[in-house]
C-alpha cells in the first residue's frame, strides 16, 4: 500500500503554462479521438502486486481482473473438523460428556472460511477438554432452524445437551476463547 502511495505521489501531470483560448463547447460532431487530452494518458500499464496474490485477465469486450489468494502453508496442517448432520447430532453433540463447540457454516460464506483456521486452532488447543464440530446449514437446515440460526458463521457451545452460548460472526480467537473458558 505504501508503494502505491509513493508511486502516485511521484507522478506529475503536465499542465500548460497558460491558457491561450477556451475550447468550444463539446457537440455531437466531435469524434472521440478529438476529445482525448494529448498531455495526460493515465497510469496504464502500472501494476501493483501483493505477495500471495496472482491475477488473471479475461477479455470479453473489456478487461476484468480476478484475484486469487494462494492458500497459506499452515492450511495444509489444519485439522478438518468433523461434520455433524441430523442423523449424528443427538449422539455427537447433545449426548457428549464434555462441552461441544459447533460452527454453523456454509461453503459459499466468506466469513465462514475466514474463521475455519481459528476453530482449528481451538480444536488443537482444547483437545480432550472440548469437542469441535461443524454443521453445514445448507445440508442440515432443520438443525439451524431449531437453534434459530439467522446469520452464519455462528459458533455455539453446548454442555450437557443444552445450548450455553452463541457467538455470531467472524470474531477473533480471544472472543471464542473467553466463551469456551466459561464452560470448561
N, C-alpha and C. Protein backbone atom coordinates (compact mmCIF):
# COMPACT_ATOMS: atom_id res chain seq x y z
N UNK A 1 0.82 -1.17 0.00
CA UNK A 1 0.00 0.00 0.00
C UNK A 1 0.88 1.25 0.00
N UNK A 2 1.96 1.21 0.79
CA UNK A 2 2.86 2.34 0.85
C UNK A 2 3.55 2.56 -0.50
N UNK A 3 3.86 1.46 -1.19
CA UNK A 3 4.49 1.57 -2.50
C UNK A 3 3.55 2.24 -3.49
N UNK A 4 2.27 1.93 -3.41
CA UNK A 4 1.30 2.54 -4.31
C UNK A 4 1.18 4.03 -4.05
N UNK A 5 1.18 4.42 -2.77
CA UNK A 5 1.07 5.84 -2.42
C UNK A 5 2.30 6.59 -2.90
N UNK A 6 3.49 6.00 -2.72
CA UNK A 6 4.72 6.63 -3.18
C UNK A 6 4.71 6.79 -4.70
N UNK A 7 4.25 5.77 -5.39
CA UNK A 7 4.18 5.81 -6.84
C UNK A 7 3.25 6.91 -7.30
N UNK A 8 2.09 7.02 -6.70
CA UNK A 8 1.12 8.03 -7.10
C UNK A 8 1.60 9.44 -6.80
N UNK A 9 2.32 9.61 -5.67
CA UNK A 9 2.85 10.93 -5.33
C UNK A 9 3.95 11.36 -6.29
N UNK A 10 4.68 10.39 -6.85
CA UNK A 10 5.79 10.72 -7.74
C UNK A 10 5.33 11.09 -9.15
N UNK A 11 4.08 10.77 -9.48
CA UNK A 11 3.58 11.11 -10.81
C UNK A 11 3.26 12.59 -10.89
N UNK A 12 3.58 13.17 -12.00
CA UNK A 12 3.20 14.57 -12.21
C UNK A 12 2.41 14.66 -13.50
N UNK A 13 1.40 15.49 -13.46
CA UNK A 13 0.55 15.67 -14.63
C UNK A 13 0.98 16.95 -15.32
N UNK A 14 1.44 16.84 -16.57
CA UNK A 14 1.87 18.05 -17.28
C UNK A 14 0.69 19.00 -17.48
N UNK A 15 0.95 20.26 -17.24
CA UNK A 15 -0.07 21.29 -17.45
C UNK A 15 0.53 22.37 -18.34
N UNK A 16 -0.31 22.96 -19.12
CA UNK A 16 0.21 24.05 -19.95
C UNK A 16 0.41 25.27 -19.07
N UNK A 17 1.40 26.10 -19.40
CA UNK A 17 1.74 27.24 -18.56
C UNK A 17 0.70 28.34 -18.64
N UNK A 18 0.02 28.45 -19.75
CA UNK A 18 -1.01 29.48 -19.86
C UNK A 18 -2.14 28.97 -20.74
N UNK A 19 -3.29 29.45 -20.47
CA UNK A 19 -4.45 29.07 -21.26
C UNK A 19 -4.56 30.09 -22.39
N UNK A 20 -4.42 29.62 -23.63
CA UNK A 20 -4.44 30.54 -24.76
C UNK A 20 -5.86 30.82 -25.24
N UNK A 21 -6.70 29.80 -25.18
CA UNK A 21 -8.07 30.04 -25.61
C UNK A 21 -8.97 29.01 -24.94
N UNK A 22 -10.20 29.35 -24.83
CA UNK A 22 -11.16 28.43 -24.25
C UNK A 22 -11.70 27.57 -25.38
N UNK A 23 -11.66 26.23 -25.22
CA UNK A 23 -12.14 25.37 -26.29
C UNK A 23 -13.64 25.55 -26.50
N UNK A 24 -14.10 25.32 -27.71
CA UNK A 24 -15.53 25.44 -27.98
C UNK A 24 -16.29 24.35 -27.24
N UNK A 25 -17.57 24.56 -27.00
CA UNK A 25 -18.35 23.54 -26.30
C UNK A 25 -18.38 22.23 -27.09
N UNK A 26 -18.47 21.13 -26.36
CA UNK A 26 -18.49 19.80 -26.98
C UNK A 26 -19.85 19.59 -27.61
N UNK A 27 -19.82 19.15 -28.83
CA UNK A 27 -21.08 18.84 -29.51
C UNK A 27 -20.98 17.44 -30.10
N UNK A 28 -22.06 16.96 -30.65
CA UNK A 28 -22.11 15.61 -31.21
C UNK A 28 -21.21 15.46 -32.42
N UNK A 29 -20.75 16.56 -33.01
CA UNK A 29 -19.93 16.47 -34.21
C UNK A 29 -18.47 16.10 -33.89
N UNK A 30 -18.06 16.20 -32.64
CA UNK A 30 -16.71 15.83 -32.26
C UNK A 30 -16.55 14.33 -32.26
N UNK A 31 -15.38 13.88 -32.72
CA UNK A 31 -15.07 12.46 -32.64
C UNK A 31 -14.36 12.20 -31.32
N UNK A 32 -14.40 10.95 -30.89
CA UNK A 32 -13.77 10.58 -29.62
C UNK A 32 -12.29 10.93 -29.59
N UNK A 33 -11.59 10.72 -30.68
CA UNK A 33 -10.15 10.97 -30.72
C UNK A 33 -9.83 12.45 -30.52
N UNK A 34 -10.75 13.35 -30.90
CA UNK A 34 -10.51 14.78 -30.72
C UNK A 34 -10.69 15.19 -29.26
N UNK A 35 -11.40 14.40 -28.47
CA UNK A 35 -11.67 14.76 -27.09
C UNK A 35 -10.58 14.31 -26.13
N UNK A 36 -9.68 13.45 -26.57
CA UNK A 36 -8.62 12.97 -25.69
C UNK A 36 -7.56 14.04 -25.49
N UNK A 37 -7.06 14.12 -24.28
CA UNK A 37 -6.00 15.07 -23.99
C UNK A 37 -4.68 14.47 -24.43
N UNK A 38 -3.89 15.17 -25.23
CA UNK A 38 -2.61 14.63 -25.66
C UNK A 38 -1.57 14.68 -24.54
N UNK A 39 -1.84 15.45 -23.48
CA UNK A 39 -0.83 15.64 -22.44
C UNK A 39 -0.85 14.54 -21.39
N UNK A 40 -2.01 14.00 -21.06
CA UNK A 40 -2.09 13.04 -19.97
C UNK A 40 -2.89 11.82 -20.42
N UNK A 41 -2.30 10.66 -20.33
CA UNK A 41 -2.96 9.45 -20.77
C UNK A 41 -3.19 8.45 -19.63
N UNK A 42 -3.03 8.85 -18.40
CA UNK A 42 -3.29 7.95 -17.28
C UNK A 42 -2.07 7.16 -16.87
N UNK A 43 -2.26 6.24 -15.98
CA UNK A 43 -1.16 5.43 -15.46
C UNK A 43 -1.30 3.99 -15.93
N UNK A 44 -1.80 3.81 -17.14
CA UNK A 44 -1.98 2.46 -17.68
C UNK A 44 -0.66 1.72 -17.75
N UNK A 45 -0.71 0.43 -17.52
CA UNK A 45 0.50 -0.37 -17.61
C UNK A 45 1.22 -0.52 -16.28
N UNK A 46 0.83 0.28 -15.28
CA UNK A 46 1.48 0.15 -13.99
C UNK A 46 0.70 -0.87 -13.18
N UNK A 47 1.36 -1.91 -12.75
CA UNK A 47 0.69 -2.95 -11.96
C UNK A 47 1.31 -3.04 -10.58
N UNK A 48 0.50 -3.17 -9.58
CA UNK A 48 0.99 -3.32 -8.23
C UNK A 48 0.61 -4.71 -7.77
N UNK A 49 1.59 -5.47 -7.36
CA UNK A 49 1.33 -6.86 -6.96
C UNK A 49 1.57 -7.01 -5.47
N UNK A 50 0.80 -7.90 -4.87
CA UNK A 50 0.93 -8.20 -3.45
C UNK A 50 1.40 -9.64 -3.32
N UNK A 51 2.25 -9.95 -2.34
CA UNK A 51 2.70 -11.33 -2.18
C UNK A 51 1.52 -12.26 -1.90
N UNK A 52 1.54 -13.41 -2.53
CA UNK A 52 0.48 -14.38 -2.31
C UNK A 52 -0.72 -14.20 -3.22
N UNK A 53 -0.72 -13.12 -4.00
CA UNK A 53 -1.84 -12.89 -4.91
C UNK A 53 -1.37 -13.06 -6.34
N UNK A 54 -2.22 -13.60 -7.17
CA UNK A 54 -1.93 -13.63 -8.59
C UNK A 54 -3.20 -13.18 -9.29
N UNK A 55 -3.05 -12.61 -10.45
CA UNK A 55 -4.24 -12.12 -11.14
C UNK A 55 -4.31 -12.70 -12.54
N UNK A 56 -5.55 -12.80 -13.02
CA UNK A 56 -5.81 -13.23 -14.38
C UNK A 56 -6.62 -12.14 -15.05
N UNK A 57 -6.39 -11.96 -16.31
CA UNK A 57 -7.20 -11.00 -17.04
C UNK A 57 -7.93 -11.76 -18.13
N UNK A 58 -9.23 -11.58 -18.18
CA UNK A 58 -10.06 -12.21 -19.21
C UNK A 58 -10.64 -11.10 -20.07
N UNK A 59 -10.62 -11.27 -21.37
CA UNK A 59 -11.15 -10.23 -22.25
C UNK A 59 -12.43 -10.70 -22.92
N UNK A 60 -13.46 -9.93 -22.74
CA UNK A 60 -14.73 -10.08 -23.44
C UNK A 60 -15.26 -8.69 -23.67
N UNK A 61 -14.65 -7.98 -24.54
CA UNK A 61 -15.06 -6.62 -24.79
C UNK A 61 -14.35 -5.65 -23.85
N UNK A 62 -14.16 -6.03 -22.59
CA UNK A 62 -13.48 -5.17 -21.61
C UNK A 62 -12.64 -6.06 -20.70
N UNK A 63 -11.64 -5.48 -20.10
CA UNK A 63 -10.76 -6.24 -19.21
C UNK A 63 -11.43 -6.46 -17.87
N UNK A 64 -11.14 -7.60 -17.28
CA UNK A 64 -11.67 -7.94 -15.96
C UNK A 64 -10.54 -8.59 -15.19
N UNK A 65 -10.33 -8.19 -13.95
CA UNK A 65 -9.25 -8.75 -13.14
C UNK A 65 -9.86 -9.60 -12.05
N UNK A 66 -9.33 -10.79 -11.90
CA UNK A 66 -9.78 -11.71 -10.86
C UNK A 66 -8.57 -12.03 -10.00
N UNK A 67 -8.69 -11.81 -8.70
CA UNK A 67 -7.59 -12.13 -7.78
C UNK A 67 -7.88 -13.42 -7.06
N UNK A 68 -6.87 -14.23 -6.93
CA UNK A 68 -7.00 -15.49 -6.21
C UNK A 68 -5.91 -15.54 -5.16
N UNK A 69 -6.27 -15.89 -3.97
CA UNK A 69 -5.29 -15.99 -2.89
C UNK A 69 -4.76 -17.41 -2.84
N UNK A 70 -3.45 -17.52 -2.82
CA UNK A 70 -2.83 -18.83 -2.65
C UNK A 70 -3.04 -19.25 -1.20
N UNK A 71 -3.35 -20.51 -0.93
CA UNK A 71 -3.55 -20.93 0.46
C UNK A 71 -2.27 -20.81 1.25
N UNK A 72 -2.36 -20.35 2.50
CA UNK A 72 -1.15 -20.23 3.31
C UNK A 72 -0.60 -21.61 3.65
N UNK A 73 0.70 -21.71 3.92
CA UNK A 73 1.31 -23.01 4.20
C UNK A 73 0.69 -23.71 5.41
N UNK A 74 0.23 -22.93 6.41
CA UNK A 74 -0.35 -23.56 7.59
C UNK A 74 -1.70 -24.21 7.30
N UNK A 75 -2.31 -23.91 6.15
CA UNK A 75 -3.60 -24.51 5.80
C UNK A 75 -3.47 -26.02 5.60
N UNK A 76 -2.30 -26.46 5.16
CA UNK A 76 -2.10 -27.89 4.93
C UNK A 76 -2.08 -28.65 6.26
N UNK A 77 -1.66 -27.98 7.33
CA UNK A 77 -1.58 -28.63 8.63
C UNK A 77 -2.88 -28.49 9.43
N UNK A 78 -3.87 -27.84 8.84
CA UNK A 78 -5.12 -27.60 9.56
C UNK A 78 -5.90 -28.89 9.78
N UNK A 79 -6.61 -28.93 10.89
CA UNK A 79 -7.48 -30.06 11.18
C UNK A 79 -8.76 -29.88 10.40
N UNK A 80 -9.25 -30.95 9.81
CA UNK A 80 -10.54 -30.86 9.14
C UNK A 80 -11.59 -31.24 10.17
N UNK A 81 -12.34 -30.25 10.62
CA UNK A 81 -13.35 -30.51 11.65
C UNK A 81 -14.36 -31.51 11.15
N UNK A 82 -14.74 -32.45 11.99
CA UNK A 82 -15.77 -33.41 11.59
C UNK A 82 -17.12 -32.71 11.45
N UNK A 83 -17.89 -33.16 10.47
CA UNK A 83 -19.21 -32.60 10.24
C UNK A 83 -20.27 -33.35 11.04
N UNK A 84 -21.32 -32.61 11.38
CA UNK A 84 -22.45 -33.19 12.08
C UNK A 84 -23.68 -32.94 11.20
N UNK A 85 -24.58 -33.92 11.16
CA UNK A 85 -25.84 -33.74 10.41
C UNK A 85 -26.99 -34.20 11.29
N UNK A 86 -28.20 -34.25 10.71
CA UNK A 86 -29.38 -34.62 11.50
C UNK A 86 -29.24 -36.00 12.16
N UNK A 87 -28.62 -36.93 11.45
CA UNK A 87 -28.52 -38.29 11.98
C UNK A 87 -27.49 -38.44 13.10
N UNK A 88 -26.46 -37.58 13.13
CA UNK A 88 -25.41 -37.71 14.14
C UNK A 88 -25.50 -36.64 15.23
N UNK A 89 -26.38 -35.68 15.09
CA UNK A 89 -26.48 -34.55 16.03
C UNK A 89 -26.69 -35.02 17.47
N UNK A 90 -27.66 -35.87 17.68
CA UNK A 90 -28.01 -36.33 19.03
C UNK A 90 -26.82 -36.99 19.71
N UNK A 91 -26.19 -37.94 19.04
CA UNK A 91 -25.11 -38.71 19.67
C UNK A 91 -23.82 -37.91 19.84
N UNK A 92 -23.46 -37.07 18.87
CA UNK A 92 -22.18 -36.35 18.94
C UNK A 92 -22.24 -35.07 19.75
N UNK A 93 -23.37 -34.38 19.72
CA UNK A 93 -23.44 -33.07 20.38
C UNK A 93 -24.24 -33.13 21.69
N UNK A 94 -25.46 -33.56 21.60
CA UNK A 94 -26.35 -33.49 22.77
C UNK A 94 -26.01 -34.51 23.85
N UNK A 95 -25.46 -35.66 23.48
CA UNK A 95 -25.13 -36.70 24.47
C UNK A 95 -23.65 -36.72 24.84
N UNK A 96 -22.92 -35.69 24.48
CA UNK A 96 -21.49 -35.64 24.79
C UNK A 96 -21.27 -35.41 26.28
N UNK A 97 -20.24 -36.05 26.82
CA UNK A 97 -19.93 -35.89 28.24
C UNK A 97 -19.02 -34.69 28.50
N UNK A 98 -18.48 -34.09 27.46
CA UNK A 98 -17.67 -32.87 27.60
C UNK A 98 -18.32 -31.76 26.75
N UNK A 99 -17.98 -30.50 27.00
CA UNK A 99 -18.56 -29.41 26.20
C UNK A 99 -18.25 -29.58 24.71
N UNK A 100 -19.15 -29.06 23.89
CA UNK A 100 -19.02 -29.18 22.44
C UNK A 100 -19.15 -27.80 21.80
N UNK A 101 -18.21 -27.47 20.92
CA UNK A 101 -18.27 -26.25 20.13
C UNK A 101 -18.75 -26.65 18.74
N UNK A 102 -19.80 -25.98 18.26
CA UNK A 102 -20.35 -26.28 16.93
C UNK A 102 -20.34 -25.00 16.11
N UNK A 103 -19.74 -25.08 14.92
CA UNK A 103 -19.75 -23.95 13.99
C UNK A 103 -20.81 -24.21 12.94
N UNK A 104 -21.76 -23.30 12.81
CA UNK A 104 -22.76 -23.35 11.74
C UNK A 104 -22.19 -22.53 10.60
N UNK A 105 -22.08 -23.15 9.42
CA UNK A 105 -21.40 -22.53 8.29
C UNK A 105 -22.04 -22.97 6.98
N UNK A 106 -21.55 -22.40 5.88
CA UNK A 106 -21.92 -22.81 4.52
C UNK A 106 -20.70 -22.61 3.63
N UNK A 107 -20.53 -23.44 2.62
CA UNK A 107 -19.33 -23.33 1.77
C UNK A 107 -19.25 -22.03 0.98
N UNK A 108 -20.36 -21.37 0.72
CA UNK A 108 -20.35 -20.12 -0.06
C UNK A 108 -20.09 -18.90 0.80
N UNK A 109 -20.00 -19.07 2.12
CA UNK A 109 -19.87 -17.95 3.07
C UNK A 109 -18.40 -17.58 3.28
N UNK A 110 -18.01 -16.38 2.86
CA UNK A 110 -16.63 -15.91 3.02
C UNK A 110 -16.18 -15.82 4.47
N UNK A 111 -16.96 -15.15 5.36
CA UNK A 111 -16.55 -15.08 6.76
C UNK A 111 -16.44 -16.46 7.42
N UNK A 112 -17.26 -17.42 6.96
CA UNK A 112 -17.16 -18.79 7.49
C UNK A 112 -15.79 -19.39 7.18
N UNK A 113 -15.31 -19.13 5.98
CA UNK A 113 -13.99 -19.65 5.59
C UNK A 113 -12.89 -18.94 6.36
N UNK A 114 -13.13 -17.66 6.71
CA UNK A 114 -12.12 -16.91 7.46
C UNK A 114 -11.94 -17.46 8.88
N UNK A 115 -13.01 -17.96 9.47
CA UNK A 115 -12.95 -18.39 10.87
C UNK A 115 -12.49 -19.85 11.01
N UNK A 116 -12.44 -20.60 9.92
CA UNK A 116 -12.04 -22.01 9.98
C UNK A 116 -10.67 -22.20 10.65
N UNK A 117 -9.63 -21.44 10.29
CA UNK A 117 -8.33 -21.64 10.96
C UNK A 117 -8.40 -21.38 12.47
N UNK A 118 -9.23 -20.44 12.88
CA UNK A 118 -9.37 -20.13 14.31
C UNK A 118 -10.00 -21.32 15.03
N UNK A 119 -11.05 -21.89 14.45
CA UNK A 119 -11.72 -23.05 15.05
C UNK A 119 -10.74 -24.24 15.09
N UNK A 120 -9.94 -24.40 14.04
CA UNK A 120 -8.94 -25.48 14.02
C UNK A 120 -7.93 -25.32 15.16
N UNK A 121 -7.47 -24.08 15.38
CA UNK A 121 -6.53 -23.83 16.48
C UNK A 121 -7.16 -24.15 17.83
N UNK A 122 -8.42 -23.76 17.99
CA UNK A 122 -9.12 -24.04 19.25
C UNK A 122 -9.29 -25.55 19.46
N UNK A 123 -9.57 -26.28 18.38
CA UNK A 123 -9.72 -27.73 18.48
C UNK A 123 -8.41 -28.36 18.96
N UNK A 124 -7.27 -27.87 18.46
CA UNK A 124 -5.97 -28.38 18.91
C UNK A 124 -5.69 -27.98 20.36
N UNK A 125 -5.98 -26.71 20.67
CA UNK A 125 -5.68 -26.18 21.99
C UNK A 125 -6.49 -26.87 23.09
N UNK A 126 -7.75 -27.18 22.82
CA UNK A 126 -8.63 -27.77 23.82
C UNK A 126 -8.90 -29.26 23.58
N UNK A 127 -8.00 -29.93 22.89
CA UNK A 127 -8.18 -31.37 22.62
C UNK A 127 -8.32 -32.13 23.94
N UNK A 128 -9.36 -32.97 24.03
CA UNK A 128 -9.63 -33.73 25.24
C UNK A 128 -10.54 -33.02 26.22
N UNK A 129 -10.61 -31.67 26.14
CA UNK A 129 -11.47 -30.89 27.03
C UNK A 129 -12.73 -30.40 26.32
N UNK A 130 -12.66 -30.32 24.99
CA UNK A 130 -13.74 -29.75 24.18
C UNK A 130 -13.79 -30.47 22.85
N UNK A 131 -14.97 -30.83 22.41
CA UNK A 131 -15.15 -31.40 21.08
C UNK A 131 -15.57 -30.28 20.14
N UNK A 132 -15.06 -30.31 18.91
CA UNK A 132 -15.40 -29.29 17.92
C UNK A 132 -15.99 -29.95 16.69
N UNK A 133 -17.12 -29.43 16.24
CA UNK A 133 -17.80 -29.94 15.04
C UNK A 133 -18.27 -28.77 14.20
N UNK A 134 -18.65 -29.09 12.96
CA UNK A 134 -19.25 -28.07 12.09
C UNK A 134 -20.54 -28.63 11.51
N UNK A 135 -21.49 -27.71 11.26
CA UNK A 135 -22.77 -28.06 10.65
C UNK A 135 -22.96 -27.20 9.41
N UNK A 136 -23.08 -27.85 8.26
CA UNK A 136 -23.35 -27.14 7.02
C UNK A 136 -24.85 -26.82 7.01
N UNK A 137 -25.19 -25.55 7.09
CA UNK A 137 -26.59 -25.14 7.19
C UNK A 137 -27.38 -25.42 5.91
N UNK A 138 -26.69 -25.56 4.79
CA UNK A 138 -27.37 -25.91 3.54
C UNK A 138 -27.78 -27.38 3.53
N UNK A 139 -26.97 -28.23 4.16
CA UNK A 139 -27.24 -29.67 4.18
C UNK A 139 -28.09 -30.09 5.37
N UNK A 140 -28.06 -29.31 6.45
CA UNK A 140 -28.83 -29.65 7.66
C UNK A 140 -29.65 -28.44 8.12
N UNK A 141 -30.60 -28.02 7.32
CA UNK A 141 -31.36 -26.81 7.69
C UNK A 141 -32.23 -26.99 8.93
N UNK A 142 -32.63 -28.22 9.24
CA UNK A 142 -33.51 -28.42 10.41
C UNK A 142 -32.77 -28.11 11.71
N UNK A 143 -31.48 -28.42 11.78
CA UNK A 143 -30.70 -28.10 12.99
C UNK A 143 -30.57 -26.59 13.12
N UNK A 144 -30.25 -25.94 12.00
CA UNK A 144 -30.11 -24.48 12.02
C UNK A 144 -31.41 -23.81 12.43
N UNK A 145 -32.52 -24.31 11.94
CA UNK A 145 -33.83 -23.75 12.28
C UNK A 145 -34.15 -23.97 13.75
N UNK A 146 -33.87 -25.16 14.26
CA UNK A 146 -34.16 -25.49 15.65
C UNK A 146 -33.46 -24.55 16.62
N UNK A 147 -32.24 -24.14 16.28
CA UNK A 147 -31.45 -23.28 17.17
C UNK A 147 -31.49 -21.81 16.75
N UNK A 148 -32.37 -21.46 15.82
CA UNK A 148 -32.57 -20.06 15.44
C UNK A 148 -31.39 -19.41 14.75
N UNK A 149 -30.68 -20.16 13.94
CA UNK A 149 -29.53 -19.61 13.21
C UNK A 149 -30.06 -18.71 12.09
N UNK A 150 -29.74 -17.42 12.19
CA UNK A 150 -30.17 -16.46 11.16
C UNK A 150 -28.98 -15.86 10.43
N UNK A 151 -27.80 -16.00 11.02
CA UNK A 151 -26.56 -15.49 10.41
C UNK A 151 -25.49 -16.55 10.55
N UNK A 152 -24.65 -16.62 9.53
CA UNK A 152 -23.50 -17.50 9.63
C UNK A 152 -22.26 -16.67 9.36
N UNK A 153 -21.14 -17.00 9.95
CA UNK A 153 -20.92 -18.10 10.86
C UNK A 153 -21.50 -17.82 12.25
N UNK A 154 -22.04 -18.84 12.86
CA UNK A 154 -22.46 -18.79 14.25
C UNK A 154 -21.79 -19.96 14.96
N UNK A 155 -21.15 -19.66 16.08
CA UNK A 155 -20.48 -20.68 16.87
C UNK A 155 -21.27 -20.84 18.16
N UNK A 156 -21.70 -22.07 18.45
CA UNK A 156 -22.45 -22.35 19.67
C UNK A 156 -21.68 -23.32 20.54
N UNK A 157 -21.85 -23.15 21.84
CA UNK A 157 -21.24 -24.06 22.79
C UNK A 157 -22.36 -24.79 23.52
N UNK A 158 -22.26 -26.12 23.54
CA UNK A 158 -23.24 -26.98 24.20
C UNK A 158 -22.56 -27.68 25.36
N UNK A 159 -23.31 -27.81 26.47
CA UNK A 159 -22.81 -28.55 27.62
C UNK A 159 -23.99 -29.29 28.22
N UNK A 160 -23.82 -30.58 28.45
CA UNK A 160 -24.89 -31.43 28.98
C UNK A 160 -26.15 -31.38 28.12
N UNK A 161 -25.96 -31.30 26.81
CA UNK A 161 -27.08 -31.32 25.89
C UNK A 161 -27.82 -30.01 25.74
N UNK A 162 -27.36 -28.96 26.39
CA UNK A 162 -28.03 -27.65 26.33
C UNK A 162 -27.13 -26.61 25.68
N UNK A 163 -27.76 -25.72 24.93
CA UNK A 163 -27.04 -24.60 24.34
C UNK A 163 -26.70 -23.63 25.47
N UNK A 164 -25.40 -23.33 25.62
CA UNK A 164 -24.96 -22.44 26.69
C UNK A 164 -24.60 -21.05 26.19
N UNK A 165 -24.02 -20.97 24.99
CA UNK A 165 -23.57 -19.67 24.48
C UNK A 165 -23.56 -19.69 22.96
N UNK A 166 -23.67 -18.51 22.36
CA UNK A 166 -23.59 -18.38 20.90
C UNK A 166 -22.81 -17.12 20.56
N UNK A 167 -21.95 -17.23 19.58
CA UNK A 167 -21.17 -16.10 19.08
C UNK A 167 -21.44 -16.01 17.58
N UNK A 168 -21.90 -14.85 17.15
CA UNK A 168 -22.28 -14.67 15.75
C UNK A 168 -21.22 -13.84 15.04
N UNK A 169 -20.81 -14.31 13.87
CA UNK A 169 -19.86 -13.59 13.03
C UNK A 169 -18.44 -14.11 13.14
N UNK A 170 -17.59 -13.62 12.24
CA UNK A 170 -16.17 -13.98 12.25
C UNK A 170 -15.49 -13.12 13.30
N UNK A 171 -15.24 -13.70 14.46
CA UNK A 171 -14.70 -12.97 15.60
C UNK A 171 -13.27 -13.41 15.87
N UNK A 172 -12.52 -12.62 16.63
CA UNK A 172 -11.15 -13.02 16.96
C UNK A 172 -11.12 -14.25 17.87
N UNK A 173 -9.98 -14.91 17.88
CA UNK A 173 -9.79 -16.11 18.69
C UNK A 173 -10.04 -15.82 20.16
N UNK A 174 -9.64 -14.66 20.64
CA UNK A 174 -9.81 -14.31 22.05
C UNK A 174 -11.28 -14.30 22.47
N UNK A 175 -12.16 -13.86 21.58
CA UNK A 175 -13.60 -13.85 21.88
C UNK A 175 -14.11 -15.27 22.08
N UNK A 176 -13.71 -16.17 21.19
CA UNK A 176 -14.13 -17.56 21.31
C UNK A 176 -13.51 -18.23 22.53
N UNK A 177 -12.25 -17.92 22.81
CA UNK A 177 -11.57 -18.49 23.97
C UNK A 177 -12.28 -18.08 25.26
N UNK A 178 -12.65 -16.81 25.37
CA UNK A 178 -13.36 -16.34 26.58
C UNK A 178 -14.69 -17.07 26.74
N UNK A 179 -15.37 -17.31 25.64
CA UNK A 179 -16.65 -18.01 25.68
C UNK A 179 -16.46 -19.47 26.09
N UNK A 180 -15.43 -20.10 25.58
CA UNK A 180 -15.15 -21.52 25.90
C UNK A 180 -14.77 -21.67 27.36
N UNK A 181 -13.92 -20.78 27.85
CA UNK A 181 -13.40 -20.87 29.22
C UNK A 181 -14.53 -20.84 30.27
N UNK A 182 -15.64 -20.21 29.96
CA UNK A 182 -16.75 -20.13 30.91
C UNK A 182 -17.35 -21.50 31.20
N UNK A 183 -17.22 -22.43 30.26
CA UNK A 183 -17.93 -23.72 30.37
C UNK A 183 -17.02 -24.93 30.54
N UNK A 184 -15.73 -24.72 30.75
CA UNK A 184 -14.83 -25.86 30.97
C UNK A 184 -14.71 -26.18 32.45
